[in-house]
Amino acid sequence: MTMTEQPVGTAGEDTACCAHDREHAPGHGGEPPESARERVNRRWNEILQETRVTQTGVQILFGFLLSVAFTPLFRELETFDRVVYVITVVLGASATGSLIAPVSIHRFLSGQRMKDEVVEAAGRLMVCGMVLLALTIGCTLLLILRVVIPGVLAEILVGAVMLWFGLCWYVLPLRLRRRAARRGAAARRS
């Protein structure tokens, strides 16, 4: 696939995500810097790997959710639980769409010299899909725990799990990004 030679990201933006990005920066470790083409190809390959992992999880979860409506226990659910179920299925379908969208975008734009735009759009869709997947998992957990554990304990446990997801999936990566940006700024001043 061909693409433009422009690096992904805006001017002056540090697009480094991993140690690999920093190691191939000019003047680091004596290795030649990674070209814009190499960077966008590497980032695309990383997105493909991430997509494979998340798609499998969301597809298994979505399949489970679809089968629930056809079980005898489903008829006994209260109105609130049915609403949670509908919201969960819609979130799961939305997560599936968002996580599979990079494949569609790539297929439609292949050969258009737009790989940097494809990578950027795919990255954003992956983040959106991860948010939707976290919400789907939270709602699924709420639905299951409300059947198994009557009362407020189910909601407390779901809240704790969602807090853990938020910390692991969002707070930690953002904290690591800020730390790397501060180190990069300090290195540039030195």
Protein backbone atom coordinates (compact mmCIF):
# COMPACT_ATOMS: atom_id res chain seq x y z
CA MET A 1 0.00 0.00 0.00
CA THR A 2 1.28 3.46 -0.76
CA MET A 3 0.87 6.51 1.40
CA THR A 4 2.06 10.02 1.94
CA GLU A 5 5.37 10.57 3.67
CA GLN A 6 3.88 12.84 6.33
CA PRO A 7 4.19 11.53 9.88
CA VAL A 8 0.99 10.77 11.71
CA GLY A 9 0.04 13.45 14.22
CA THR A 10 0.14 17.20 14.22
CA ALA A 11 3.20 19.38 13.93
CA GLY A 12 5.17 19.43 17.16
CA GLU A 13 3.15 16.58 18.65
CA ASP A 14 5.11 13.78 20.24
CA THR A 15 3.51 10.71 18.70
CA ALA A 16 5.76 8.28 20.56
CA CYS A 17 3.74 5.53 22.17
CA CYS A 18 6.29 2.95 23.10
CA ALA A 19 9.97 2.60 23.83
CA HIS A 20 10.35 1.57 20.19
CA ASP A 21 9.31 5.08 19.10
CA ARG A 22 11.81 6.73 21.44
CA GLU A 23 14.62 4.33 20.56
CA HIS A 24 14.32 5.19 16.89
CA ALA A 25 14.16 8.91 17.44
CA PRO A 26 17.07 10.87 15.94
CA GLY A 27 20.17 10.76 18.11
CA HIS A 28 18.99 7.96 20.40
CA GLY A 29 20.98 4.75 20.73
CA GLY A 30 23.00 5.29 17.57
CA GLU A 31 20.33 3.65 15.39
CA PRO A 32 18.98 5.42 12.33
CA PRO A 33 15.70 7.23 12.97
CA GLU A 34 12.48 5.55 11.93
CA SER A 35 11.12 7.10 8.73
CA ALA A 36 7.55 8.38 8.52
CA ARG A 37 6.70 5.44 6.25
CA GLU A 38 8.20 2.91 8.66
CA ARG A 39 6.36 4.53 11.58
CA VAL A 40 2.96 4.50 9.89
CA ASN A 41 3.46 0.89 8.75
CA ARG A 42 4.48 -0.15 12.26
CA ARG A 43 1.53 1.68 13.79
CA TRP A 44 -0.85 0.02 11.32
CA ASN A 45 0.54 -3.42 12.21
CA GLU A 46 0.12 -2.63 15.91
CA ILE A 47 -3.52 -1.62 15.33
CA LEU A 48 -4.13 -4.88 13.44
CA GLN A 49 -2.80 -6.90 16.37
CA GLU A 50 -4.87 -4.90 18.87
CA THR A 51 -7.94 -5.33 16.68
CA ARG A 52 -7.51 -9.10 16.60
CA VAL A 53 -7.44 -9.28 20.38
CA THR A 54 -10.40 -6.99 21.02
CA GLN A 55 -12.57 -8.35 18.20
CA THR A 56 -12.33 -11.87 19.59
CA GLY A 57 -13.39 -10.73 23.04
CA VAL A 58 -16.26 -8.57 21.88
CA GLN A 59 -17.55 -11.21 19.47
CA ILE A 60 -17.62 -13.90 22.17
CA LEU A 61 -19.36 -11.54 24.59
CA PHE A 62 -21.83 -10.36 21.94
CA GLY A 63 -22.66 -13.96 20.99
CA PHE A 64 -23.34 -14.74 24.64
CA LEU A 65 -25.59 -11.68 24.95
CA LEU A 66 -27.61 -12.63 21.89
CA SER A 67 -28.25 -16.12 23.24
CA VAL A 68 -29.52 -14.85 26.61
CA ALA A 69 -32.84 -13.63 25.16
CA PHE A 70 -33.69 -17.19 24.13
CA THR A 71 -33.28 -18.76 27.57
CA PRO A 72 -36.24 -19.55 29.86
CA LEU A 73 -34.81 -17.34 32.64
CA PHE A 74 -35.00 -14.28 30.38
CA ARG A 75 -38.82 -14.29 30.58
CA GLU A 76 -38.56 -13.88 34.36
CA LEU A 77 -36.38 -10.75 34.26
CA GLU A 78 -37.79 -7.57 35.73
CA THR A 79 -38.28 -4.50 33.55
CA PHE A 80 -35.06 -2.87 34.80
CA ASP A 81 -33.04 -5.97 33.92
CA ARG A 82 -34.62 -6.10 30.44
CA VAL A 83 -33.66 -2.45 29.92
CA VAL A 84 -30.10 -3.22 31.04
CA TYR A 85 -30.09 -6.16 28.62
CA VAL A 86 -31.22 -4.03 25.67
CA ILE A 87 -28.64 -1.35 26.50
CA THR A 88 -25.96 -4.03 26.81
CA VAL A 89 -26.79 -5.57 23.43
CA VAL A 90 -26.78 -2.13 21.76
CA LEU A 91 -23.43 -1.30 23.40
CA GLY A 92 -22.02 -4.66 22.31
CA ALA A 93 -23.18 -4.14 18.72
CA SER A 94 -21.70 -0.63 18.75
CA ALA A 95 -18.40 -1.92 20.12
CA THR A 96 -18.32 -4.59 17.42
CA GLY A 97 -18.92 -1.98 14.73
CA SER A 98 -16.26 0.34 16.07
CA LEU A 99 -13.65 -2.40 16.46
CA ILE A 100 -14.27 -3.86 12.99
CA ALA A 101 -14.44 -0.43 11.28
CA PRO A 102 -10.64 -0.17 10.76
CA VAL A 103 -10.84 -3.19 8.45
CA SER A 104 -13.58 -1.57 6.37
CA ILE A 105 -11.77 1.76 6.23
CA HIS A 106 -8.58 0.05 5.12
CA ARG A 107 -10.40 -1.94 2.44
CA PHE A 108 -12.16 1.13 1.00
CA LEU A 109 -9.08 3.38 1.10
CA SER A 110 -6.41 0.85 0.15
CA GLY A 111 -4.19 2.25 -2.60
CA GLN A 112 -5.41 5.83 -2.13
CA ARG A 113 -2.16 7.07 -0.54
CA MET A 114 -3.99 7.75 2.71
CA LYS A 115 -2.34 5.31 5.11
CA ASP A 116 -1.53 7.97 7.69
CA GLU A 117 -5.19 9.05 7.76
CA VAL A 118 -6.32 5.41 7.91
CA VAL A 119 -4.03 4.75 10.88
CA GLU A 120 -5.25 7.85 12.71
CA ALA A 121 -8.93 7.03 12.12
CA ALA A 122 -8.39 3.38 13.06
CA GLY A 123 -6.66 4.41 16.28
CA ARG A 124 -9.56 6.65 17.26
CA LEU A 125 -12.10 3.96 16.43
CA MET A 126 -10.15 1.50 18.56
CA VAL A 127 -10.28 3.86 21.55
CA CYS A 128 -14.01 4.39 20.99
CA GLY A 129 -14.50 0.63 20.68
CA MET A 130 -12.62 0.05 23.92
CA VAL A 131 -14.89 2.50 25.76
CA LEU A 132 -17.95 0.75 24.33
CA LEU A 133 -16.48 -2.65 25.19
CA ALA A 134 -15.83 -1.57 28.80
CA LEU A 135 -19.44 -0.37 29.06
CA THR A 136 -20.70 -3.62 27.52
CA ILE A 137 -18.71 -5.66 30.03
CA GLY A 138 -19.97 -3.50 32.89
CA CYS A 139 -23.60 -3.86 31.83
CA THR A 140 -23.19 -7.61 31.27
CA LEU A 141 -21.71 -7.93 34.73
CA LEU A 142 -24.60 -5.90 36.18
CA LEU A 143 -27.13 -8.10 34.44
CA ILE A 144 -25.51 -11.31 35.70
CA LEU A 145 -24.83 -10.11 39.24
CA ARG A 146 -28.37 -8.77 39.69
CA VAL A 147 -29.65 -12.29 39.01
CA VAL A 148 -27.06 -13.96 41.25
CA ILE A 149 -26.77 -11.39 44.08
CA PRO A 150 -29.99 -9.56 44.85
CA GLY A 151 -29.64 -6.13 46.39
CA VAL A 152 -27.14 -3.30 46.29
CA LEU A 153 -24.07 -5.53 46.44
CA ALA A 154 -24.34 -6.26 42.71
CA GLU A 155 -24.18 -2.55 41.85
CA ILE A 156 -21.26 -2.00 44.25
CA LEU A 157 -19.28 -4.85 42.71
CA VAL A 158 -19.98 -3.60 39.18
CA GLY A 159 -18.91 -0.10 40.22
CA ALA A 160 -15.66 -1.48 41.64
CA VAL A 161 -14.94 -3.48 38.48
CA MET A 162 -15.69 -0.48 36.25
CA LEU A 163 -13.40 1.66 38.39
CA TRP A 164 -10.68 -0.98 37.92
CA PHE A 165 -11.26 -0.94 34.15
CA GLY A 166 -11.04 2.83 34.14
CA LEU A 167 -7.76 2.75 36.03
CA CYS A 168 -6.20 -0.03 33.91
CA TRP A 169 -7.50 0.97 30.48
CA TYR A 170 -7.50 4.77 30.68
CA VAL A 171 -5.86 6.35 33.73
CA LEU A 172 -2.66 4.26 33.63
CA PRO A 173 -1.98 4.79 29.89
CA LEU A 174 -2.65 8.53 30.18
CA ARG A 175 -0.39 8.76 33.22
CA LEU A 176 2.39 6.91 31.38
CA ARG A 177 1.94 9.20 28.37
CA ARG A 178 2.24 12.32 30.55
CA ARG A 179 5.33 10.93 32.28
CA ALA A 180 6.98 10.21 28.91
CA ALA A 181 6.07 13.70 27.66
CA ARG A 182 7.66 15.28 30.76
CA ARG A 183 10.82 13.20 30.26
CA GLY A 184 10.91 14.17 26.58
CA ALA A 185 10.49 17.85 27.43
CA ALA A 186 13.25 17.61 30.05
CA ALA A 187 15.55 15.87 27.56
CA ARG A 188 14.92 18.54 24.92
CA ARG A 189 15.79 21.29 27.45
CA SER A 190 19.06 19.58 28.38
